Amino acid sequence: MISDSQFYQALKQTFGFETFRPGQLEALKALGAGKDTLAVLPTGAGKTLIYELYGFLADQLVVVVSPLISLMQDQVATLSVRGEKRAAALTSMMTYNEKQAVLAHLNQYRFLFVSPEMLSQSAVLTAISRVQLGLLVVDEAHCISTWGPDFRPEYLLLGQIRHLLGDPLTLMATATATDHVKADIKAKLQLPDAEEIILPVDRQNIFLDVEKFEVLADKDERLETLVQQLKKPGVIYFSSKQKADEMAGYLNQKTTCHVAAYHADLDLETRFKVQQQFMLGQLDVICATSAFGMGIDKNNVRFVIHYHLPGDLESYWQEIGRAGRDGQPSIAILLYQPGDEQIAQFLSETTVPEPNEIDYYYHQKAPLAAPDNKANLIWFYRNHHVSLERVLAGFEKRREQRFRALQKMLAYVRISSCRREFIRSYFDQTDSEKPTHCCDNDEQLDISALGLEASDNERVQLASTDWQSIVTQLFAH
């Protein structure tokens, strides 16, 4: 049992803070009492501090299941800056010898970051099972429900893996989860009695705005205007990597801002450099796909714009939550053109195999020489002895879930009443007061009145900087 005084002492000595943010101490107390815990805390609430502080006090290995290599590397780097050298990320980017060196010395580490795919490997499981595990953390735990069935099925193995590791104390952390997703997380991890620490998902300092266009050129022109007018920094989300590249070039030509693209087709070094430039304030705007942002701890993002329609409200709310983590006025703008939902629907269907594909791959005697993602997905279920009937029924249900999620997203776009109330209702939270500036259905968008207009000094500073020289300098090192 860890006392409150121990938590506060560690908070001050290790992190330099006097007080906890809402939800942090409650989650720590639950863990300190030996209770498995589901913590649903809004973006920017400091979920990482919970398991880091607990790890410092428990002084046993903390294994953190994380979805992205870049996120793991950032977390290890942050711990290193804080003086914690006993942290490592076990990733697919490492050589065999590098991974073996980490596994052979696990008893010397305090934090180990792994993906669900890495954790499911027998050699990794065997090595971890030989040390005293103080805490298992599933970071971005909503991925169990949103990614597991048809994108990264290894998330579905985490409950079984937890048993193989001796049922260690477990923390599940996420920023957004409906009642259905919360229940799904607990069910998949086989922790029906886990303690729940739930805070409102609403970020009242973010103004919600949706703008509609009939012509694509008008949409592009409006994006250009917004980027010029709004305080920076900002993030613009696209569903297309090609469009993210195209608009980054367009905005660099048409505005005085420093803009770069970020998506999965860029090599790891380029992504790292773009991310670091943004974190250091040397980039004003990122044109990104959903590959950017998870775990990015930049508290002064003033706007998040969605150029394309997200496929569901959970993803949308996660992404706009990257604005205004400092509590200052910020804005989320969704630019909608009729037909955008077709792009979202196409993308949602790319990971869900059709019945004929499922039947075909299930009856192959051996994996194809170069299987596609759907083939790998189906072989995962076959190799785990899931019947063909269950797989067919499961993916049909998944397709229906994706369709309903997209309809909810469209309902948010089309609603004429308060958008914030719509979101609160969706996440089963309806008891909060409305902020002074809420959404475009309550008041006309006025960037100046919201305190989000770029100052003249900012515009002069941006205009006087040679963006090409910054790029040259960046890639010269």
Protein backbone atom coordinates (compact mmCIF):
# COMPACT_ATOMS: atom_id res chain seq x y z
CA MET A 1 0.00 0.00 0.00
CA ILE A 2 1.46 3.35 -1.05
CA SER A 3 0.36 6.39 0.94
CA ASP A 4 -0.80 9.79 -0.37
CA SER A 5 2.23 11.45 1.24
CA GLN A 6 4.53 9.16 -0.74
CA PHE A 7 2.77 10.11 -3.95
CA TYR A 8 3.07 13.84 -3.21
CA GLN A 9 6.72 13.52 -2.19
CA ALA A 10 7.55 11.70 -5.43
CA LEU A 11 5.56 14.23 -7.43
CA LYS A 12 7.65 17.09 -6.06
CA GLN A 13 11.04 15.42 -6.02
CA THR A 14 10.84 13.62 -9.35
CA PHE A 15 8.56 15.81 -11.45
CA GLY A 16 8.85 19.21 -9.75
CA PHE A 17 5.09 19.66 -9.26
CA GLU A 18 3.22 20.54 -6.08
CA THR A 19 -0.24 19.34 -7.09
CA PHE A 20 -1.74 16.59 -9.20
CA ARG A 21 -3.98 17.19 -12.18
CA PRO A 22 -7.54 15.89 -11.88
CA GLY A 23 -7.68 12.11 -12.02
CA GLN A 24 -3.97 11.47 -11.49
CA LEU A 25 -4.00 10.98 -7.72
CA GLU A 26 -7.23 8.96 -7.86
CA ALA A 27 -5.64 6.55 -10.36
CA LEU A 28 -2.44 6.34 -8.33
CA LYS A 29 -4.35 5.60 -5.13
CA ALA A 30 -6.22 2.79 -6.88
CA LEU A 31 -2.95 1.30 -8.13
CA GLY A 32 -1.33 1.84 -4.74
CA ALA A 33 -4.14 -0.23 -3.21
CA GLY A 34 -3.44 -3.03 -5.68
CA LYS A 35 -6.49 -2.41 -7.88
CA ASP A 36 -6.43 -2.86 -11.65
CA THR A 37 -7.48 0.51 -13.05
CA LEU A 38 -9.10 1.96 -16.16
CA ALA A 39 -8.28 5.67 -16.39
CA VAL A 40 -10.21 7.69 -18.98
CA LEU A 41 -8.68 11.17 -18.72
CA PRO A 42 -8.94 13.89 -21.39
CA THR A 43 -6.07 14.57 -23.76
CA GLY A 44 -3.38 16.56 -21.97
CA ALA A 45 -4.42 15.39 -18.50
CA GLY A 46 -1.05 13.75 -17.85
CA LYS A 47 -1.75 10.02 -18.09
CA THR A 48 1.92 9.14 -18.51
CA LEU A 49 2.76 10.69 -15.14
CA ILE A 50 0.54 8.10 -13.46
CA TYR A 51 2.56 5.07 -14.47
CA GLU A 52 5.90 6.87 -14.38
CA LEU A 53 5.39 8.03 -10.81
CA TYR A 54 4.07 4.62 -9.77
CA GLY A 55 7.13 3.01 -11.37
CA PHE A 56 9.50 5.24 -9.44
CA LEU A 57 7.85 4.29 -6.14
CA ALA A 58 7.35 0.58 -6.84
CA ASP A 59 10.90 0.22 -8.19
CA GLN A 60 9.88 -2.81 -10.24
CA LEU A 61 9.68 -3.27 -13.98
CA VAL A 62 6.83 -1.37 -15.64
CA VAL A 63 5.90 -2.74 -19.07
CA VAL A 64 4.06 -0.20 -21.22
CA VAL A 65 2.15 -1.47 -24.27
CA SER A 66 2.23 1.41 -26.75
CA PRO A 67 0.87 1.60 -30.31
CA LEU A 68 3.58 3.60 -32.11
CA ILE A 69 7.37 3.36 -32.32
CA SER A 70 7.70 7.16 -32.40
CA LEU A 71 5.63 7.41 -29.24
CA MET A 72 7.80 4.84 -27.46
CA GLN A 73 10.99 6.61 -28.49
CA ASP A 74 9.63 9.96 -27.28
CA GLN A 75 8.71 8.47 -23.91
CA VAL A 76 12.15 6.92 -23.46
CA ALA A 77 13.78 10.24 -24.41
CA THR A 78 11.57 12.16 -21.95
CA LEU A 79 12.48 9.79 -19.14
CA SER A 80 16.15 10.13 -20.03
CA VAL A 81 15.97 13.93 -19.85
CA ARG A 82 14.37 13.55 -16.41
CA GLY A 83 17.39 11.49 -15.35
CA GLU A 84 15.86 8.00 -15.65
CA LYS A 85 18.36 5.93 -17.63
CA ARG A 86 16.70 2.56 -16.93
CA ALA A 87 14.17 2.83 -19.76
CA ALA A 88 14.13 1.09 -23.12
CA ALA A 89 11.85 0.64 -26.12
CA LEU A 90 11.82 -2.78 -27.75
CA THR A 91 10.91 -2.13 -31.39
CA SER A 92 11.04 -3.72 -34.83
CA MET A 93 13.61 -1.07 -35.84
CA MET A 94 16.23 -2.71 -33.60
CA THR A 95 18.65 -5.39 -34.71
CA TYR A 96 18.41 -8.92 -33.30
CA ASN A 97 21.47 -8.30 -31.11
CA GLU A 98 20.06 -5.02 -29.78
CA LYS A 99 16.79 -6.70 -28.80
CA GLN A 100 18.62 -9.61 -27.18
CA ALA A 101 20.76 -7.20 -25.15
CA VAL A 102 17.63 -5.55 -23.71
CA LEU A 103 15.91 -8.88 -22.97
CA ALA A 104 19.02 -10.27 -21.29
CA HIS A 105 19.16 -7.35 -18.84
CA LEU A 106 15.49 -6.71 -18.07
CA ASN A 107 16.16 -6.85 -14.34
CA GLN A 108 18.20 -3.66 -14.77
CA TYR A 109 15.32 -1.70 -16.34
CA ARG A 110 12.50 0.21 -14.68
CA PHE A 111 10.46 0.95 -17.84
CA LEU A 112 10.07 -1.18 -20.96
CA PHE A 113 7.97 0.06 -23.91
CA VAL A 114 6.66 -2.52 -26.38
CA SER A 115 4.03 -2.86 -29.08
CA PRO A 116 1.36 -5.57 -28.72
CA GLU A 117 2.99 -7.37 -31.67
CA MET A 118 6.38 -7.40 -29.93
CA LEU A 119 4.90 -8.42 -26.60
CA SER A 120 3.15 -11.41 -28.18
CA GLN A 121 6.47 -12.91 -29.30
CA SER A 122 7.39 -15.94 -27.21
CA ALA A 123 10.99 -14.83 -26.57
CA VAL A 124 9.80 -11.48 -25.23
CA LEU A 125 7.12 -13.06 -23.05
CA THR A 126 9.58 -15.58 -21.65
CA ALA A 127 12.12 -12.88 -20.77
CA ILE A 128 9.55 -10.65 -19.05
CA SER A 129 8.05 -13.56 -17.12
CA ARG A 130 11.45 -14.13 -15.47
CA VAL A 131 11.52 -10.72 -13.75
CA GLN A 132 9.31 -9.19 -11.08
CA LEU A 133 6.71 -7.19 -13.00
CA GLY A 134 5.41 -4.25 -10.99
CA LEU A 135 2.85 -2.87 -13.45
CA LEU A 136 1.46 -3.63 -16.91
CA VAL A 137 0.24 -0.52 -18.73
CA VAL A 138 -1.94 -0.50 -21.83
CA ASP A 139 -1.47 3.03 -23.14
CA GLU A 140 -4.04 4.37 -25.62
CA ALA A 141 -6.22 1.49 -24.45
CA HIS A 142 -9.07 2.40 -26.80
CA CYS A 143 -6.95 0.78 -29.55
CA ILE A 144 -8.05 -2.59 -28.15
CA SER A 145 -11.57 -1.84 -29.31
CA THR A 146 -10.98 0.44 -32.31
CA TRP A 147 -7.94 -1.29 -33.86
CA GLY A 148 -7.95 -4.84 -32.54
CA PRO A 149 -10.58 -6.62 -34.63
CA ASP A 150 -9.44 -5.64 -38.13
CA PHE A 151 -6.19 -3.66 -38.02
CA ARG A 152 -3.81 -4.91 -35.33
CA PRO A 153 -5.35 -8.11 -33.96
CA GLU A 154 -2.51 -8.68 -31.49
CA TYR A 155 -4.37 -6.22 -29.28
CA LEU A 156 -6.94 -8.99 -28.81
CA LEU A 157 -4.25 -11.21 -27.22
CA LEU A 158 -3.45 -8.84 -24.35
CA GLY A 159 -5.85 -10.52 -21.92
CA GLN A 160 -4.23 -13.89 -22.55
CA ILE A 161 -0.75 -12.37 -22.41
CA ARG A 162 -1.60 -10.79 -19.07
CA HIS A 163 -2.43 -14.24 -17.68
CA LEU A 164 0.83 -15.66 -19.05
CA LEU A 165 2.70 -12.90 -17.21
CA GLY A 166 1.07 -13.88 -13.91
CA ASP A 167 -1.85 -11.42 -13.88
CA PRO A 168 0.20 -8.35 -12.90
CA LEU A 169 -1.35 -5.12 -11.63
CA THR A 170 -2.70 -3.39 -14.74
CA LEU A 171 -3.39 0.20 -15.77
CA MET A 172 -5.49 0.87 -18.88
CA ALA A 173 -5.24 4.51 -19.98
CA THR A 174 -7.03 6.43 -22.72
CA ALA A 175 -8.43 9.88 -23.47
CA THR A 176 -11.77 8.91 -24.98
CA ALA A 177 -14.09 5.96 -24.48
CA THR A 178 -17.83 5.50 -24.71
CA ASP A 179 -19.53 3.11 -22.31
CA HIS A 180 -19.28 0.44 -25.02
CA VAL A 181 -15.52 0.97 -25.51
CA LYS A 182 -14.87 0.98 -21.75
CA ALA A 183 -16.71 -2.32 -21.40
CA ASP A 184 -14.86 -3.72 -24.42
CA ILE A 185 -11.44 -2.77 -22.99
CA LYS A 186 -12.21 -4.47 -19.68
CA ALA A 187 -13.67 -7.53 -21.40
CA LYS A 188 -10.73 -7.98 -23.79
CA LEU A 189 -8.26 -7.69 -20.89
CA GLN A 190 -10.47 -9.96 -18.78
CA LEU A 191 -10.69 -7.37 -15.99
CA PRO A 192 -14.44 -6.89 -15.44
CA ASP A 193 -13.96 -5.53 -11.91
CA ALA A 194 -11.27 -2.96 -12.70
CA GLU A 195 -11.56 0.36 -10.88
CA GLU A 196 -12.74 3.16 -13.18
CA ILE A 197 -11.37 6.70 -12.97
CA ILE A 198 -13.47 8.66 -15.46
CA LEU A 199 -13.21 12.40 -16.12
CA PRO A 200 -15.35 14.41 -18.56
CA VAL A 201 -13.98 14.25 -22.10
CA ASP A 202 -15.09 17.82 -22.84
CA ARG A 203 -12.35 20.38 -23.41
CA GLN A 204 -14.19 23.64 -22.82
CA ASN A 205 -11.42 25.88 -24.12
CA ILE A 206 -11.81 24.43 -27.64
CA PHE A 207 -14.38 26.18 -29.85
CA LEU A 208 -16.13 23.73 -32.20
CA ASP A 209 -16.72 24.79 -35.79
CA VAL A 210 -17.94 23.04 -38.96
CA GLU A 211 -17.83 24.75 -42.35
CA LYS A 212 -19.44 23.36 -45.52
CA PHE A 213 -18.38 23.78 -49.14
CA GLU A 214 -19.84 22.81 -52.48
CA VAL A 215 -16.66 23.38 -54.49
CA LEU A 216 -13.21 21.99 -53.65
CA ALA A 217 -11.45 25.21 -54.68
CA ASP A 218 -13.49 27.13 -52.09
CA LYS A 219 -12.43 24.63 -49.44
CA ASP A 220 -8.75 25.07 -50.32
CA GLU A 221 -9.08 28.85 -50.34
CA ARG A 222 -10.77 28.82 -46.94
CA LEU A 223 -8.01 26.62 -45.53
CA GLU A 224 -5.42 29.09 -46.78
CA THR A 225 -7.31 31.98 -45.15
CA LEU A 226 -7.65 30.18 -41.83
CA VAL A 227 -3.96 29.29 -41.69
CA GLN A 228 -3.07 32.93 -42.29
CA GLN A 229 -5.55 34.31 -39.76
CA LEU A 230 -5.25 31.89 -36.85
CA LYS A 231 -2.65 31.92 -34.12
CA LYS A 232 -0.07 29.24 -34.55
CA PRO A 233 0.99 26.48 -34.12
CA GLY A 234 -1.65 24.26 -35.66
CA VAL A 235 -2.31 20.81 -37.10
CA ILE A 236 -4.32 20.02 -40.24
CA TYR A 237 -5.52 16.42 -40.64
CA PHE A 238 -6.03 14.70 -43.99
CA SER A 239 -7.23 11.23 -44.90
CA SER A 240 -4.86 11.15 -47.88
CA LYS A 241 -1.07 11.17 -47.67
CA GLN A 242 -0.91 12.62 -51.18
CA LYS A 243 -3.26 15.46 -50.21
CA ALA A 244 -1.22 16.18 -47.08
CA ASP A 245 1.91 16.57 -49.23
CA GLU A 246 0.05 18.65 -51.81
CA MET A 247 -1.46 21.06 -49.28
CA ALA A 248 1.80 21.45 -47.37
CA GLY A 249 3.42 22.67 -50.59
CA TYR A 250 0.41 24.82 -51.42
CA LEU A 251 0.38 26.53 -48.01
CA ASN A 252 4.12 27.13 -48.10
CA GLN A 253 3.64 28.96 -51.41
CA LYS A 254 0.45 30.84 -50.55
CA THR A 255 1.06 31.84 -46.94
CA THR A 256 3.89 33.19 -44.82
CA CYS A 257 3.80 30.10 -42.60
CA HIS A 258 6.30 27.29 -42.26
CA VAL A 259 4.45 24.09 -43.14
CA ALA A 260 5.53 20.46 -43.44
CA ALA A 261 3.78 17.17 -44.14
CA TYR A 262 3.84 14.17 -41.82
CA HIS A 263 2.59 10.70 -42.74
CA ALA A 264 3.56 7.03 -42.79
CA ASP A 265 5.13 7.10 -46.28
CA LEU A 266 7.92 9.40 -45.08
CA ASP A 267 11.04 7.66 -43.85
CA LEU A 268 11.61 7.45 -40.11
CA GLU A 269 14.35 10.09 -40.09
CA THR A 270 12.21 12.64 -41.92
CA ARG A 271 9.23 12.02 -39.63
CA PHE A 272 11.45 12.45 -36.58
CA LYS A 273 12.92 15.70 -37.86
CA VAL A 274 9.53 17.15 -38.80
CA GLN A 275 8.15 16.22 -35.39
CA GLN A 276 11.10 17.78 -33.58
CA GLN A 277 10.85 20.96 -35.64
CA PHE A 278 7.21 21.27 -34.69
CA MET A 279 7.91 20.59 -31.01
CA LEU A 280 10.66 23.25 -30.99
CA GLY A 281 8.45 25.88 -32.63
CA GLN A 282 10.37 25.96 -35.91
CA LEU A 283 7.30 24.77 -37.84
CA ASP A 284 3.99 26.60 -37.65
CA VAL A 285 1.70 24.01 -39.20
CA ILE A 286 1.77 20.25 -39.77
CA CYS A 287 -0.26 18.71 -42.61
CA ALA A 288 -0.72 15.24 -41.23
CA THR A 289 -2.54 11.98 -41.46
CA SER A 290 -3.67 10.20 -38.31
CA ALA A 291 -0.08 8.89 -38.00
CA PHE A 292 0.76 12.20 -36.28
CA GLY A 293 -0.21 13.33 -32.84
CA MET A 294 -0.70 10.32 -30.57
CA GLY A 295 1.30 11.08 -27.44
CA ILE A 296 2.65 14.39 -28.81
CA ASP A 297 3.03 16.57 -25.73
CA LYS A 298 2.90 20.10 -27.19
CA ASN A 299 0.65 22.21 -25.03
CA ASN A 300 0.29 25.38 -27.13
CA VAL A 301 -1.37 24.07 -30.31
CA ARG A 302 -3.98 26.71 -31.09
CA PHE A 303 -5.97 25.01 -33.85
CA VAL A 304 -6.75 21.60 -35.28
CA ILE A 305 -8.39 21.58 -38.71
CA HIS A 306 -9.83 18.50 -40.39
CA TYR A 307 -9.69 18.80 -44.16
CA HIS A 308 -11.37 15.41 -44.60
CA LEU A 309 -14.17 13.81 -42.61
CA PRO A 310 -12.94 11.41 -39.89
CA GLY A 311 -14.52 7.97 -39.83
CA ASP A 312 -15.80 8.20 -36.26
CA LEU A 313 -16.29 10.62 -33.39
CA GLU A 314 -13.73 8.88 -31.15
CA SER A 315 -10.92 9.56 -33.64
CA TYR A 316 -12.14 13.10 -34.20
CA TRP A 317 -12.26 13.90 -30.49
CA GLN A 318 -8.82 12.36 -29.90
CA GLU A 319 -7.33 14.49 -32.66
CA ILE A 320 -8.92 17.83 -31.75
CA GLY A 321 -7.84 17.18 -28.16
CA ARG A 322 -4.30 17.96 -29.26
CA ALA A 323 -5.27 21.63 -29.28
CA GLY A 324 -5.19 23.85 -26.21
CA ARG A 325 -3.56 21.57 -23.70
CA ASP A 326 -2.37 24.70 -21.90
CA GLY A 327 -6.00 25.64 -21.22
CA GLN A 328 -5.87 28.69 -23.47
CA PRO A 329 -8.52 29.42 -26.15
CA SER A 330 -8.22 27.08 -29.14
CA ILE A 331 -10.38 25.95 -32.03
CA ALA A 332 -11.34 22.77 -33.89
CA ILE A 333 -12.57 23.30 -37.44
CA LEU A 334 -13.99 20.61 -39.70
CA LEU A 335 -14.15 21.50 -43.40
CA TYR A 336 -16.86 19.39 -45.03
CA GLN A 337 -17.70 18.93 -48.68
CA PRO A 338 -20.58 16.62 -49.67
CA GLY A 339 -19.02 13.34 -50.72
CA ASP A 340 -16.25 13.41 -48.10
CA GLU A 341 -18.07 10.57 -46.38
CA GLN A 342 -17.32 8.35 -49.36
CA ILE A 343 -13.61 8.72 -48.68
CA ALA A 344 -14.16 7.87 -45.02
CA GLN A 345 -16.28 4.86 -45.91
CA PHE A 346 -13.72 3.58 -48.42
CA LEU A 347 -10.93 3.85 -45.85
CA SER A 348 -12.99 2.11 -43.18
CA GLU A 349 -13.67 -0.79 -45.54
CA THR A 350 -10.06 -1.30 -46.62
CA THR A 351 -9.24 -3.22 -43.43
CA VAL A 352 -12.43 -5.28 -43.24
CA PRO A 353 -12.24 -8.35 -45.52
CA GLU A 354 -15.24 -9.39 -47.58
CA PRO A 355 -16.85 -12.84 -47.03
CA ASN A 356 -15.35 -14.23 -50.25
CA GLU A 357 -11.86 -13.09 -49.18
CA ILE A 358 -12.28 -14.68 -45.76
CA ASP A 359 -13.46 -17.95 -47.29
CA TYR A 360 -10.62 -17.98 -49.83
CA TYR A 361 -7.79 -17.41 -47.35
CA TYR A 362 -9.27 -19.79 -44.78
CA HIS A 363 -9.07 -22.65 -47.26
CA GLN A 364 -5.49 -22.02 -48.37
CA LYS A 365 -3.13 -24.75 -47.19
CA ALA A 366 -0.30 -22.30 -46.59
CA PRO A 367 0.16 -18.52 -46.47
CA LEU A 368 0.72 -16.84 -49.82
CA ALA A 369 4.26 -15.84 -50.72
CA ALA A 370 3.38 -12.14 -50.48
CA PRO A 371 0.05 -11.85 -48.66
CA ASP A 372 -1.68 -8.52 -48.29
CA ASN A 373 -2.89 -7.03 -45.02
CA LYS A 374 -6.27 -8.73 -45.23
CA ALA A 375 -4.61 -12.09 -45.82
CA ASN A 376 -2.40 -11.58 -42.77
CA LEU A 377 -5.43 -10.62 -40.73
CA ILE A 378 -7.38 -13.72 -41.74
CA TRP A 379 -4.39 -15.96 -41.14
CA PHE A 380 -4.09 -14.49 -37.64
CA TYR A 381 -7.59 -15.72 -36.78
CA ARG A 382 -7.04 -19.07 -38.48
CA ASN A 383 -3.76 -19.63 -36.63
CA HIS A 384 -5.54 -18.88 -33.36
CA HIS A 385 -8.16 -21.52 -34.16
CA VAL A 386 -11.11 -19.19 -34.59
CA SER A 387 -13.78 -20.90 -36.67
CA LEU A 388 -14.67 -19.64 -40.13
CA GLU A 389 -18.25 -19.02 -39.00
CA ARG A 390 -17.12 -16.82 -36.08
CA VAL A 391 -14.78 -14.83 -38.29
CA LEU A 392 -17.47 -14.24 -40.92
CA ALA A 393 -19.93 -13.11 -38.25
CA GLY A 394 -17.30 -10.97 -36.51
CA PHE A 395 -16.34 -9.03 -39.62
CA GLU A 396 -19.95 -8.52 -40.62
CA LYS A 397 -20.55 -7.01 -37.19
CA ARG A 398 -17.42 -4.90 -37.61
CA ARG A 399 -18.64 -3.57 -40.94
CA GLU A 400 -21.94 -2.58 -39.36
CA GLN A 401 -20.12 -0.85 -36.47
CA ARG A 402 -18.00 1.16 -38.90
CA PHE A 403 -21.09 2.22 -40.85
CA ARG A 404 -22.92 3.36 -37.70
CA ALA A 405 -19.84 5.25 -36.52
CA LEU A 406 -19.64 7.14 -39.81
CA GLN A 407 -23.34 8.01 -39.60
CA LYS A 408 -22.75 9.49 -36.14
CA MET A 409 -19.89 11.54 -37.54
CA LEU A 410 -22.15 12.85 -40.29
CA ALA A 411 -24.85 13.63 -37.73
CA TYR A 412 -22.32 15.82 -35.89
CA VAL A 413 -21.58 17.70 -39.13
CA ARG A 414 -25.24 18.23 -40.00
CA ILE A 415 -26.68 18.99 -36.58
CA SER A 416 -28.18 22.46 -36.14
CA SER A 417 -28.23 22.42 -32.32
CA CYS A 418 -25.25 22.60 -29.94
CA ARG A 419 -22.33 20.48 -31.14
CA ARG A 420 -20.84 20.19 -27.65
CA GLU A 421 -24.04 18.78 -26.24
CA PHE A 422 -24.06 16.26 -29.09
CA ILE A 423 -20.53 15.13 -28.22
CA ARG A 424 -21.26 14.95 -24.51
CA SER A 425 -24.31 12.81 -25.17
CA TYR A 426 -22.29 10.50 -27.42
CA PHE A 427 -19.74 9.91 -24.67
CA ASP A 428 -22.52 9.49 -22.07
CA GLN A 429 -21.55 12.68 -20.24
CA THR A 430 -24.23 15.37 -20.08
CA ASP A 431 -23.80 17.14 -16.74
CA SER A 432 -21.20 19.83 -17.52
CA GLU A 433 -21.85 23.54 -17.99
CA LYS A 434 -21.38 25.09 -21.40
CA PRO A 435 -18.41 27.43 -21.90
CA THR A 436 -18.83 31.07 -22.87
CA HIS A 437 -17.71 30.30 -26.42
CA CYS A 438 -19.06 26.91 -27.40
CA CYS A 439 -19.67 26.18 -31.08
CA ASP A 440 -20.69 27.70 -34.40
CA ASN A 441 -24.32 26.63 -33.91
CA ASP A 442 -24.50 28.76 -30.75
CA GLU A 443 -22.65 31.83 -32.07
CA GLN A 444 -21.13 32.97 -35.34
CA LEU A 445 -17.44 32.20 -35.65
CA ASP A 446 -15.38 35.30 -34.80
CA ILE A 447 -11.67 34.49 -34.64
CA SER A 448 -10.82 37.85 -33.10
CA ALA A 449 -13.49 37.55 -30.36
CA LEU A 450 -12.16 34.11 -29.49
CA GLY A 451 -8.67 35.57 -29.01
CA LEU A 452 -7.28 33.37 -31.77
CA GLU A 453 -6.29 35.95 -34.38
CA ALA A 454 -2.63 35.97 -35.38
CA SER A 455 -1.00 39.20 -34.27
CA ASP A 456 0.72 41.60 -36.66
CA ASN A 457 4.02 40.87 -34.93
CA GLU A 458 3.57 37.18 -35.53
CA ARG A 459 2.82 37.72 -39.21
CA VAL A 460 5.86 39.98 -39.65
CA GLN A 461 8.07 37.43 -37.92
CA LEU A 462 6.75 34.63 -40.12
CA ALA A 463 7.15 36.65 -43.30
CA SER A 464 10.76 37.55 -42.49
CA THR A 465 11.92 33.96 -42.12
CA ASP A 466 13.34 32.08 -45.09
CA TRP A 467 11.68 28.66 -44.92
CA GLN A 468 14.03 27.11 -47.47
CA SER A 469 17.03 27.95 -45.31
CA ILE A 470 15.38 26.26 -42.34
CA VAL A 471 14.87 23.06 -44.31
CA THR A 472 18.45 23.18 -45.59
CA GLN A 473 19.78 23.69 -42.07
CA LEU A 474 17.60 20.94 -40.63
CA PHE A 475 18.66 18.24 -43.09
CA ALA A 476 22.30 19.25 -42.99
CA HIS A 477 22.73 17.61 -39.58
